[in-house]
Amino acid sequence: MDSESKRDIMDDLRDFAAGQAFYQRTGRAWKRGYLLYGPPGTGKSSMIAAMANFLGYDIYDLELTEVHSNSELQKLLMKTSSKSIIVIEDIDCSVNLSNRAKATHAGAPQSYYDSGAPDAARGGEDGNSNTITLSGLLNFTDGLSSCCRSERIFVFTTNHMDKLDPALLRQMDMHIYMTYCSYPALKILLRNYLGSEAKDLGELAASELPEAVEKAKMTPADISKVLLKNWRNKEKAVSELLEVLKARAKRN
């Protein structure tokens, strides 16, 4: 992530944590929602950990596939403490929360949106016992229970933002795109893993790395694996990284 985006997120988190007077004055619930989206391996989980460390908040990682009803989801919310980050990762894979507009266009039933609909009560045609509905999740993030509890952050992650219903997207105050590794992000990885600035790794690295990393479209996680493998030998690490980046770029 580039330094400007990182700074914007930190400023937003800082404003939220210090915003009790603002939320009381405006009558708004003291909570905030973030949607992290982008390809797998781009650092969404690491971002959540960084947010928690920055604020000193606890993390509650909810596995929706293990929650079987809207009421059970509400009970979990009631058990969370203030100054916490409530996380649902890969939300598009957890329950049927697809875009209702697309589903309607395709002729699919909309009954999953209604918590009292027959399909929801049966758990769907495939017999799945998970009956969390879109309306149940919306109430989870913005209903009475969530509004009565203060200083909470909701973070959802997805690899496929287009699969989420617009109503759910509107609940998230900030949408953060986690993309492939850029050169500014690579410089941070080089500093962390090799203890060196890119300009100090040789003329070849300084001249070829910027273009190579942009063309390769590799995730920070994949690049980290290459650097970790040879972190004791900077020259070998950079040489192998360049080979991997160029090979990936040819396949793109």
C-alpha atoms as a PDB file:
ATOM      1  CA  MET A   1       0.000   0.000   0.000  1.00  0.00           C
ATOM      2  CA  ASP A   2       1.320   3.441  -0.884  1.00  0.00           C
ATOM      3  CA  SER A   3       2.205   5.825   1.922  1.00  0.00           C
ATOM      4  CA  GLU A   4      -0.624   8.260   1.140  1.00  0.00           C
ATOM      5  CA  SER A   5      -3.328   5.589   1.414  1.00  0.00           C
ATOM      6  CA  LYS A   6      -1.750   4.268   4.586  1.00  0.00           C
ATOM      7  CA  ARG A   7      -1.740   7.765   6.063  1.00  0.00           C
ATOM      8  CA  ASP A   8      -5.411   8.281   5.149  1.00  0.00           C
ATOM      9  CA  ILE A   9      -6.394   5.065   6.921  1.00  0.00           C
ATOM     10  CA  MET A  10      -4.371   5.931  10.014  1.00  0.00           C
ATOM     11  CA  ASP A  11      -5.927   9.401  10.137  1.00  0.00           C
ATOM     12  CA  ASP A  12      -9.405   7.892   9.826  1.00  0.00           C
ATOM     13  CA  LEU A  13      -8.736   5.398  12.623  1.00  0.00           C
ATOM     14  CA  ARG A  14      -7.266   8.108  14.815  1.00  0.00           C
ATOM     15  CA  ASP A  15     -10.286  10.357  14.269  1.00  0.00           C
ATOM     16  CA  PHE A  16     -12.633   7.497  15.130  1.00  0.00           C
ATOM     17  CA  ALA A  17     -10.855   6.590  18.356  1.00  0.00           C
ATOM     18  CA  ALA A  18     -10.835  10.224  19.477  1.00  0.00           C
ATOM     19  CA  GLY A  19     -14.366  10.959  18.291  1.00  0.00           C
ATOM     20  CA  GLN A  20     -16.519  10.237  21.330  1.00  0.00           C
ATOM     21  CA  ALA A  21     -17.615  13.861  21.690  1.00  0.00           C
ATOM     22  CA  PHE A  22     -18.469  14.071  17.980  1.00  0.00           C
ATOM     23  CA  TYR A  23     -20.601  10.919  18.015  1.00  0.00           C
ATOM     24  CA  GLN A  24     -22.413  12.029  21.161  1.00  0.00           C
ATOM     25  CA  ARG A  25     -23.060  15.498  19.742  1.00  0.00           C
ATOM     26  CA  THR A  26     -24.430  14.174  16.466  1.00  0.00           C
ATOM     27  CA  GLY A  27     -26.388  11.320  18.019  1.00  0.00           C
ATOM     28  CA  ARG A  28     -24.627   8.741  15.890  1.00  0.00           C
ATOM     29  CA  ALA A  29     -23.585   5.296  17.055  1.00  0.00           C
ATOM     30  CA  TRP A  30     -19.875   5.229  17.873  1.00  0.00           C
ATOM     31  CA  LYS A  31     -18.908   2.626  15.291  1.00  0.00           C
ATOM     32  CA  ARG A  32     -17.253   2.453  11.912  1.00  0.00           C
ATOM     33  CA  GLY A  33     -17.129  -0.028   9.050  1.00  0.00           C
ATOM     34  CA  TYR A  34     -14.298  -0.901   6.686  1.00  0.00           C
ATOM     35  CA  LEU A  35     -14.437  -3.126   3.620  1.00  0.00           C
ATOM     36  CA  LEU A  36     -11.098  -4.547   2.495  1.00  0.00           C
ATOM     37  CA  TYR A  37     -11.303  -5.944  -1.018  1.00  0.00           C
ATOM     38  CA  GLY A  38      -8.928  -7.175  -3.684  1.00  0.00           C
ATOM     39  CA  PRO A  39      -7.133 -10.299  -4.939  1.00  0.00           C
ATOM     40  CA  PRO A  40      -6.060 -13.032  -2.479  1.00  0.00           C
ATOM     41  CA  GLY A  41      -2.698 -12.505  -0.816  1.00  0.00           C
ATOM     42  CA  THR A  42      -2.723  -8.712  -0.981  1.00  0.00           C
ATOM     43  CA  GLY A  43      -2.516  -8.230   2.790  1.00  0.00           C
ATOM     44  CA  LYS A  44      -6.109  -7.908   3.987  1.00  0.00           C
ATOM     45  CA  SER A  45      -5.539  -9.985   7.129  1.00  0.00           C
ATOM     46  CA  SER A  46      -2.278  -8.168   7.831  1.00  0.00           C
ATOM     47  CA  MET A  47      -4.103  -4.860   7.480  1.00  0.00           C
ATOM     48  CA  ILE A  48      -6.617  -5.902  10.148  1.00  0.00           C
ATOM     49  CA  ALA A  49      -3.808  -6.856  12.526  1.00  0.00           C
ATOM     50  CA  ALA A  50      -2.103  -3.517  11.859  1.00  0.00           C
ATOM     51  CA  MET A  51      -5.340  -1.636  12.586  1.00  0.00           C
ATOM     52  CA  ALA A  52      -5.753  -3.460  15.898  1.00  0.00           C
ATOM     53  CA  ASN A  53      -2.140  -2.823  16.898  1.00  0.00           C
ATOM     54  CA  PHE A  54      -2.393   0.840  15.944  1.00  0.00           C
ATOM     55  CA  LEU A  55      -5.497   1.402  18.090  1.00  0.00           C
ATOM     56  CA  GLY A  56      -4.788  -1.155  20.812  1.00  0.00           C
ATOM     57  CA  TYR A  57      -8.176  -2.797  20.151  1.00  0.00           C
ATOM     58  CA  ASP A  58      -9.180  -6.424  20.584  1.00  0.00           C
ATOM     59  CA  ILE A  59     -10.066  -8.512  17.519  1.00  0.00           C
ATOM     60  CA  TYR A  60     -13.143 -10.739  17.275  1.00  0.00           C
ATOM     61  CA  ASP A  61     -12.818 -12.959  14.198  1.00  0.00           C
ATOM     62  CA  LEU A  62     -16.268 -14.333  13.356  1.00  0.00           C
ATOM     63  CA  GLU A  63     -16.662 -17.449  11.225  1.00  0.00           C
ATOM     64  CA  LEU A  64     -20.131 -17.050   9.747  1.00  0.00           C
ATOM     65  CA  THR A  65     -20.266 -20.624   8.514  1.00  0.00           C
ATOM     66  CA  GLU A  66     -20.330 -21.689  12.179  1.00  0.00           C
ATOM     67  CA  VAL A  67     -23.206 -19.328  13.045  1.00  0.00           C
ATOM     68  CA  HIS A  68     -26.608 -20.835  12.268  1.00  0.00           C
ATOM     69  CA  SER A  69     -29.141 -18.057  12.811  1.00  0.00           C
ATOM     70  CA  ASN A  70     -29.592 -14.298  12.940  1.00  0.00           C
ATOM     71  CA  SER A  71     -30.337 -14.458  16.670  1.00  0.00           C
ATOM     72  CA  GLU A  72     -27.113 -16.371  17.282  1.00  0.00           C
ATOM     73  CA  LEU A  73     -25.231 -13.670  15.395  1.00  0.00           C
ATOM     74  CA  GLN A  74     -26.804 -10.988  17.602  1.00  0.00           C
ATOM     75  CA  LYS A  75     -25.786 -12.904  20.727  1.00  0.00           C
ATOM     76  CA  LEU A  76     -22.190 -12.943  19.544  1.00  0.00           C
ATOM     77  CA  LEU A  77     -22.318  -9.175  19.079  1.00  0.00           C
ATOM     78  CA  MET A  78     -23.558  -8.721  22.643  1.00  0.00           C
ATOM     79  CA  LYS A  79     -20.527 -10.633  23.920  1.00  0.00           C
ATOM     80  CA  THR A  80     -18.013  -8.300  22.288  1.00  0.00           C
ATOM     81  CA  SER A  81     -16.377  -5.546  24.281  1.00  0.00           C
ATOM     82  CA  SER A  82     -15.880  -1.894  23.479  1.00  0.00           C
ATOM     83  CA  LYS A  83     -12.638  -0.904  21.764  1.00  0.00           C
ATOM     84  CA  SER A  84     -12.855  -3.926  19.513  1.00  0.00           C
ATOM     85  CA  ILE A  85     -12.618  -4.830  15.840  1.00  0.00           C
ATOM     86  CA  ILE A  86     -15.240  -7.318  14.679  1.00  0.00           C
ATOM     87  CA  VAL A  87     -13.981  -9.153  11.615  1.00  0.00           C
ATOM     88  CA  ILE A  88     -15.753 -11.270   9.016  1.00  0.00           C
ATOM     89  CA  GLU A  89     -13.269 -12.479   6.409  1.00  0.00           C
ATOM     90  CA  ASP A  90     -14.238 -13.643   2.919  1.00  0.00           C
ATOM     91  CA  ILE A  91     -17.787 -12.532   3.542  1.00  0.00           C
ATOM     92  CA  ASP A  92     -18.830 -13.396  -0.012  1.00  0.00           C
ATOM     93  CA  CYS A  93     -18.009 -17.061   0.716  1.00  0.00           C
ATOM     94  CA  SER A  94     -19.635 -17.226   4.150  1.00  0.00           C
ATOM     95  CA  VAL A  95     -23.359 -16.902   3.466  1.00  0.00           C
ATOM     96  CA  ASN A  96     -25.693 -16.042   0.592  1.00  0.00           C
ATOM     97  CA  LEU A  97     -25.142 -12.287   0.448  1.00  0.00           C
ATOM     98  CA  SER A  98     -25.044 -11.822  -3.301  1.00  0.00           C
ATOM     99  CA  ASN A  99     -26.219  -8.780  -5.193  1.00  0.00           C
ATOM    100  CA  ARG A 100     -30.026  -8.925  -5.167  1.00  0.00           C
ATOM    101  CA  ALA A 101     -30.233  -6.872  -8.362  1.00  0.00           C
ATOM    102  CA  LYS A 102     -28.167  -9.450 -10.245  1.00  0.00           C
ATOM    103  CA  ALA A 103     -30.077 -12.324  -8.664  1.00  0.00           C
ATOM    104  CA  THR A 104     -33.394 -10.813  -9.733  1.00  0.00           C
ATOM    105  CA  HIS A 105     -32.165 -10.251 -13.273  1.00  0.00           C
ATOM    106  CA  ALA A 106     -31.128 -13.888 -13.459  1.00  0.00           C
ATOM    107  CA  GLY A 107     -34.518 -15.034 -12.194  1.00  0.00           C
ATOM    108  CA  ALA A 108     -33.204 -16.260  -8.844  1.00  0.00           C
ATOM    109  CA  PRO A 109     -35.446 -16.065  -5.754  1.00  0.00           C
ATOM    110  CA  GLN A 110     -35.034 -13.168  -3.353  1.00  0.00           C
ATOM    111  CA  SER A 111     -36.394 -14.973  -0.309  1.00  0.00           C
ATOM    112  CA  TYR A 112     -32.985 -15.080   1.416  1.00  0.00           C
ATOM    113  CA  TYR A 113     -33.359 -11.369   2.141  1.00  0.00           C
ATOM    114  CA  ASP A 114     -36.444 -12.000   4.271  1.00  0.00           C
ATOM    115  CA  SER A 115     -35.493 -13.608   7.580  1.00  0.00           C
ATOM    116  CA  GLY A 116     -38.964 -15.115   7.822  1.00  0.00           C
ATOM    117  CA  ALA A 117     -39.091 -16.533   4.319  1.00  0.00           C
ATOM    118  CA  PRO A 118     -39.617 -20.277   3.883  1.00  0.00           C
ATOM    119  CA  ASP A 119     -36.311 -20.790   2.091  1.00  0.00           C
ATOM    120  CA  ALA A 120     -34.436 -19.202   4.985  1.00  0.00           C
ATOM    121  CA  ALA A 121     -36.259 -21.314   7.519  1.00  0.00           C
ATOM    122  CA  ARG A 122     -35.342 -24.488   5.651  1.00  0.00           C
ATOM    123  CA  GLY A 123     -31.756 -23.384   5.232  1.00  0.00           C
ATOM    124  CA  GLY A 124     -32.024 -23.273   1.439  1.00  0.00           C
ATOM    125  CA  GLU A 125     -32.640 -25.860  -1.219  1.00  0.00           C
ATOM    126  CA  ASP A 126     -29.322 -27.595  -0.631  1.00  0.00           C
ATOM    127  CA  GLY A 127     -30.162 -28.311   2.994  1.00  0.00           C
ATOM    128  CA  ASN A 128     -27.513 -25.982   4.387  1.00  0.00           C
ATOM    129  CA  SER A 129     -28.312 -25.316   8.052  1.00  0.00           C
ATOM    130  CA  ASN A 130     -26.851 -21.802   7.932  1.00  0.00           C
ATOM    131  CA  THR A 131     -29.830 -19.415   7.942  1.00  0.00           C
ATOM    132  CA  ILE A 132     -28.093 -16.072   8.371  1.00  0.00           C
ATOM    133  CA  THR A 133     -29.791 -13.652   6.002  1.00  0.00           C
ATOM    134  CA  LEU A 134     -28.735 -10.393   4.449  1.00  0.00           C
ATOM    135  CA  SER A 135     -31.200  -8.494   6.627  1.00  0.00           C
ATOM    136  CA  GLY A 136     -29.777 -10.281   9.663  1.00  0.00           C
ATOM    137  CA  LEU A 137     -26.262  -9.186   8.784  1.00  0.00           C
ATOM    138  CA  LEU A 138     -27.411  -5.622   8.127  1.00  0.00           C
ATOM    139  CA  ASN A 139     -29.025  -5.564  11.572  1.00  0.00           C
ATOM    140  CA  PHE A 140     -25.804  -6.973  13.002  1.00  0.00           C
ATOM    141  CA  THR A 141     -23.802  -4.008  11.728  1.00  0.00           C
ATOM    142  CA  ASP A 142     -26.386  -1.244  11.975  1.00  0.00           C
ATOM    143  CA  GLY A 143     -29.276  -2.497  14.097  1.00  0.00           C
ATOM    144  CA  LEU A 144     -30.304  -1.598  17.625  1.00  0.00           C
ATOM    145  CA  SER A 145     -27.803  -3.943  19.282  1.00  0.00           C
ATOM    146  CA  SER A 146     -24.822  -2.492  17.428  1.00  0.00           C
ATOM    147  CA  CYS A 147     -25.976   1.088  17.990  1.00  0.00           C
ATOM    148  CA  CYS A 148     -26.290   0.572  21.745  1.00  0.00           C
ATOM    149  CA  ARG A 149     -22.675  -0.499  22.023  1.00  0.00           C
ATOM    150  CA  SER A 150     -19.853   1.972  21.566  1.00  0.00           C
ATOM    151  CA  GLU A 151     -16.393   2.181  20.052  1.00  0.00           C
ATOM    152  CA  ARG A 152     -16.586  -0.784  17.722  1.00  0.00           C
ATOM    153  CA  ILE A 153     -15.164  -1.264  14.266  1.00  0.00           C
ATOM    154  CA  PHE A 154     -16.593  -3.727  11.748  1.00  0.00           C
ATOM    155  CA  VAL A 155     -14.211  -5.038   9.095  1.00  0.00           C
ATOM    156  CA  PHE A 156     -15.365  -7.215   6.208  1.00  0.00           C
ATOM    157  CA  THR A 157     -12.997  -8.679   3.630  1.00  0.00           C
ATOM    158  CA  THR A 158     -13.742 -10.065   0.187  1.00  0.00           C
ATOM    159  CA  ASN A 159     -11.913 -11.085  -2.952  1.00  0.00           C
ATOM    160  CA  HIS A 160     -15.007 -10.310  -5.034  1.00  0.00           C
ATOM    161  CA  MET A 161     -16.614  -6.991  -4.166  1.00  0.00           C
ATOM    162  CA  ASP A 162     -19.023  -7.304  -7.100  1.00  0.00           C
ATOM    163  CA  LYS A 163     -20.707 -10.285  -5.419  1.00  0.00           C
ATOM    164  CA  LEU A 164     -21.850  -8.246  -2.419  1.00  0.00           C
ATOM    165  CA  ASP A 165     -25.251  -6.609  -2.188  1.00  0.00           C
ATOM    166  CA  PRO A 166     -25.254  -2.785  -2.481  1.00  0.00           C
ATOM    167  CA  ALA A 167     -27.054  -2.525   0.868  1.00  0.00           C
ATOM    168  CA  LEU A 168     -24.138  -4.250   2.564  1.00  0.00           C
ATOM    169  CA  LEU A 169     -21.607  -2.074   0.756  1.00  0.00           C
ATOM    170  CA  ARG A 170     -23.382   1.052   1.989  1.00  0.00           C
ATOM    171  CA  GLN A 171     -22.925  -0.101   5.585  1.00  0.00           C
ATOM    172  CA  MET A 172     -19.168   0.152   5.214  1.00  0.00           C
ATOM    173  CA  ASP A 173     -17.892   3.698   5.712  1.00  0.00           C
ATOM    174  CA  MET A 174     -14.577   3.159   3.948  1.00  0.00           C
ATOM    175  CA  HIS A 175     -13.779   0.840   1.040  1.00  0.00           C
ATOM    176  CA  ILE A 176     -10.077  -0.021   0.884  1.00  0.00           C
ATOM    177  CA  TYR A 177      -8.690  -1.653  -2.242  1.00  0.00           C
ATOM    178  CA  MET A 178      -5.822  -4.032  -1.534  1.00  0.00           C
ATOM    179  CA  THR A 179      -3.987  -4.429  -4.808  1.00  0.00           C
ATOM    180  CA  TYR A 180      -0.915  -6.148  -6.206  1.00  0.00           C
ATOM    181  CA  CYS A 181       2.491  -5.082  -4.990  1.00  0.00           C
ATOM    182  CA  SER A 182       3.589  -1.696  -6.310  1.00  0.00           C
ATOM    183  CA  TYR A 183       7.127  -0.351  -6.317  1.00  0.00           C
ATOM    184  CA  PRO A 184       6.575   1.836  -3.218  1.00  0.00           C
ATOM    185  CA  ALA A 185       5.241  -1.242  -1.404  1.00  0.00           C
ATOM    186  CA  LEU A 186       8.177  -3.309  -2.655  1.00  0.00           C
ATOM    187  CA  LYS A 187      10.621  -0.794  -1.206  1.00  0.00           C
ATOM    188  CA  ILE A 188       9.017  -1.303   2.194  1.00  0.00           C
ATOM    189  CA  LEU A 189       9.310  -5.090   1.840  1.00  0.00           C
ATOM    190  CA  LEU A 190      12.980  -4.781   0.877  1.00  0.00           C
ATOM    191  CA  ARG A 191      13.600  -2.602   3.891  1.00  0.00           C
ATOM    192  CA  ASN A 192      11.809  -5.004   6.232  1.00  0.00           C
ATOM    193  CA  TYR A 193      13.229  -8.286   4.918  1.00  0.00           C
ATOM    194  CA  LEU A 194      16.698  -7.273   3.739  1.00  0.00           C
ATOM    195  CA  GLY A 195      17.348  -4.224   5.889  1.00  0.00           C
ATOM    196  CA  SER A 196      18.248  -2.150   2.858  1.00  0.00           C
ATOM    197  CA  GLU A 197      16.824   0.555   0.685  1.00  0.00           C
ATOM    198  CA  ALA A 198      16.217  -0.349  -2.955  1.00  0.00           C
ATOM    199  CA  LYS A 199      18.804   2.191  -4.103  1.00  0.00           C
ATOM    200  CA  ASP A 200      21.455   0.444  -1.980  1.00  0.00           C
ATOM    201  CA  LEU A 201      20.930  -2.989  -3.556  1.00  0.00           C
ATOM    202  CA  GLY A 202      22.900  -2.297  -6.696  1.00  0.00           C
ATOM    203  CA  GLU A 203      22.456  -0.494  -9.990  1.00  0.00           C
ATOM    204  CA  LEU A 204      20.671  -3.454 -11.591  1.00  0.00           C
ATOM    205  CA  ALA A 205      18.018  -3.599  -8.895  1.00  0.00           C
ATOM    206  CA  ALA A 206      17.517   0.139  -8.883  1.00  0.00           C
ATOM    207  CA  SER A 207      16.993   0.224 -12.645  1.00  0.00           C
ATOM    208  CA  GLU A 208      14.966  -2.961 -13.230  1.00  0.00           C
ATOM    209  CA  LEU A 209      12.840  -3.506 -10.134  1.00  0.00           C
ATOM    210  CA  PRO A 210      10.352  -0.635 -10.654  1.00  0.00           C
ATOM    211  CA  GLU A 211       9.226  -1.811 -14.098  1.00  0.00           C
ATOM    212  CA  ALA A 212       9.463  -5.506 -13.232  1.00  0.00           C
ATOM    213  CA  VAL A 213       7.201  -5.326 -10.191  1.00  0.00           C
ATOM    214  CA  GLU A 214       4.551  -3.266 -11.989  1.00  0.00           C
ATOM    215  CA  LYS A 215       4.367  -5.737 -14.888  1.00  0.00           C
ATOM    216  CA  ALA A 216       4.462  -8.866 -12.729  1.00  0.00           C
ATOM    217  CA  LYS A 217       1.234  -8.204 -10.800  1.00  0.00           C
ATOM    218  CA  MET A 218       2.423 -10.250  -7.836  1.00  0.00           C
ATOM    219  CA  THR A 219       0.919 -10.011  -4.385  1.00  0.00           C
ATOM    220  CA  PRO A 220       2.959  -8.774  -1.412  1.00  0.00           C
ATOM    221  CA  ALA A 221       2.569 -12.254   0.097  1.00  0.00           C
ATOM    222  CA  ASP A 222       4.228 -13.924  -2.914  1.00  0.00           C
ATOM    223  CA  ILE A 223       7.088 -11.421  -2.970  1.00  0.00           C
ATOM    224  CA  SER A 224       7.594 -11.842   0.768  1.00  0.00           C
ATOM    225  CA  LYS A 225       8.091 -15.591   0.272  1.00  0.00           C
ATOM    226  CA  VAL A 226      10.913 -14.954  -2.203  1.00  0.00           C
ATOM    227  CA  LEU A 227      12.628 -12.464   0.091  1.00  0.00           C
ATOM    228  CA  LEU A 228      12.218 -14.662   3.156  1.00  0.00           C
ATOM    229  CA  LYS A 229      13.885 -17.569   1.375  1.00  0.00           C
ATOM    230  CA  ASN A 230      17.128 -15.600   0.887  1.00  0.00           C
ATOM    231  CA  TRP A 231      16.972 -12.879   3.517  1.00  0.00           C
ATOM    232  CA  ARG A 232      20.539 -13.598   4.701  1.00  0.00           C
ATOM    233  CA  ASN A 233      21.962 -13.003   1.218  1.00  0.00           C
ATOM    234  CA  LYS A 234      20.783  -9.687  -0.205  1.00  0.00           C
ATOM    235  CA  GLU A 235      22.319 -10.132  -3.649  1.00  0.00           C
ATOM    236  CA  LYS A 236      20.795 -13.574  -4.088  1.00  0.00           C
ATOM    237  CA  ALA A 237      17.439 -12.376  -2.798  1.00  0.00           C
ATOM    238  CA  VAL A 238      17.281  -9.491  -5.265  1.00  0.00           C
ATOM    239  CA  SER A 239      18.555 -11.604  -8.155  1.00  0.00           C
ATOM    240  CA  GLU A 240      15.980 -14.335  -7.558  1.00  0.00           C
ATOM    241  CA  LEU A 241      13.232 -11.772  -7.051  1.00  0.00           C
ATOM    242  CA  LEU A 242      14.001 -10.192 -10.416  1.00  0.00           C
ATOM    243  CA  GLU A 243      13.869 -13.614 -12.084  1.00  0.00           C
ATOM    244  CA  VAL A 244      10.510 -14.397 -10.495  1.00  0.00           C
ATOM    245  CA  LEU A 245       9.074 -10.986 -11.383  1.00  0.00           C
ATOM    246  CA  LYS A 246      10.166 -11.240 -15.019  1.00  0.00           C
ATOM    247  CA  ALA A 247       8.828 -14.786 -15.327  1.00  0.00           C
ATOM    248  CA  ARG A 248       5.470 -13.744 -13.908  1.00  0.00           C
ATOM    249  CA  ALA A 249       5.326 -10.716 -16.219  1.00  0.00           C
ATOM    250  CA  LYS A 250       5.811 -12.972 -19.260  1.00  0.00           C
ATOM    251  CA  ARG A 251       2.856 -15.119 -18.204  1.00  0.00           C
ATOM    252  CA  ASN A 252       0.557 -12.112 -17.771  1.00  0.00           C
END
